[in-house]
């Protein structure tokens, strides 16, 4: 699938955010902060999917 520069930028931002949260979760395993960070990462994955799918629906270059 050919995507535009904006799509790649949005995806990279979300992936970086998710990576930071998962790394924090691993670093503090067994603590309440780790559990919260893991939940936030899962939520960010859902937000990323929603944002990218709506982008593809609106973008003439991607869709």
Protein backbone atom coordinates (compact mmCIF):
# COMPACT_ATOMS: atom_id res chain seq x y z
CA UNK A 1 0.00 0.00 0.00
CA UNK A 2 1.44 3.37 -1.01
CA UNK A 3 1.19 5.96 1.75
CA UNK A 4 1.89 9.66 2.00
CA UNK A 5 4.49 11.40 4.13
CA UNK A 6 1.89 12.49 6.70
CA UNK A 7 0.78 8.87 7.23
CA UNK A 8 4.36 7.80 7.87
CA UNK A 9 4.91 10.70 10.27
CA UNK A 10 1.79 9.94 12.30
CA UNK A 11 2.67 6.24 12.45
CA UNK A 12 6.24 6.97 13.55
CA UNK A 13 5.05 9.28 16.33
CA UNK A 14 2.64 6.69 17.70
CA UNK A 15 5.19 3.88 17.42
CA UNK A 16 7.79 5.94 19.30
CA UNK A 17 5.27 6.71 22.06
CA UNK A 18 4.28 3.04 22.33
CA UNK A 19 7.92 1.96 22.42
CA UNK A 20 8.67 4.36 25.30
CA UNK A 21 5.69 3.10 27.31
CA UNK A 22 6.57 -0.55 26.77
CA UNK A 23 10.20 0.08 27.73
CA UNK A 24 9.03 1.81 30.91
CA UNK A 25 6.75 -1.12 31.65
CA UNK A 26 9.62 -3.59 31.27
CA UNK A 27 12.00 -1.45 33.33
CA UNK A 28 9.59 -1.25 36.28
CA UNK A 29 8.10 -4.73 36.03
CA UNK A 30 6.12 -5.75 39.08
CA UNK A 31 5.23 -2.22 40.09
CA UNK A 32 1.90 -0.44 39.63
CA UNK A 33 3.53 2.08 37.26
CA UNK A 34 4.52 -0.75 34.93
CA UNK A 35 0.97 -2.02 34.74
CA UNK A 36 -0.36 1.47 34.02
CA UNK A 37 2.25 2.02 31.32
CA UNK A 38 1.37 -1.29 29.64
CA UNK A 39 -2.31 -0.33 29.60
CA UNK A 40 -1.46 3.07 28.13
CA UNK A 41 0.60 1.36 25.41
CA UNK A 42 -2.34 -0.86 24.47
CA UNK A 43 -4.60 2.18 24.37
CA UNK A 44 -2.10 4.03 22.19
CA UNK A 45 -2.10 1.12 19.73
CA UNK A 46 -5.87 1.43 19.40
CA UNK A 47 -5.64 5.20 18.95
CA UNK A 48 -2.96 4.72 16.28
CA UNK A 49 -5.14 2.27 14.35
CA UNK A 50 -8.10 4.63 14.54
CA UNK A 51 -6.05 7.66 13.48
CA UNK A 52 -4.39 5.89 10.56
CA UNK A 53 -7.60 4.36 9.27
CA UNK A 54 -9.37 7.70 9.35
CA UNK A 55 -6.39 9.27 7.61
CA UNK A 56 -6.53 6.72 4.80
CA UNK A 57 -10.23 7.40 4.42
CA UNK A 58 -9.69 11.14 3.96
CA UNK A 59 -6.33 11.34 2.20
CA UNK A 60 -6.47 11.34 -1.62
CA UNK A 61 -2.87 10.11 -1.81
CA UNK A 62 -3.30 7.13 0.55
CA UNK A 63 -6.87 6.12 -0.14
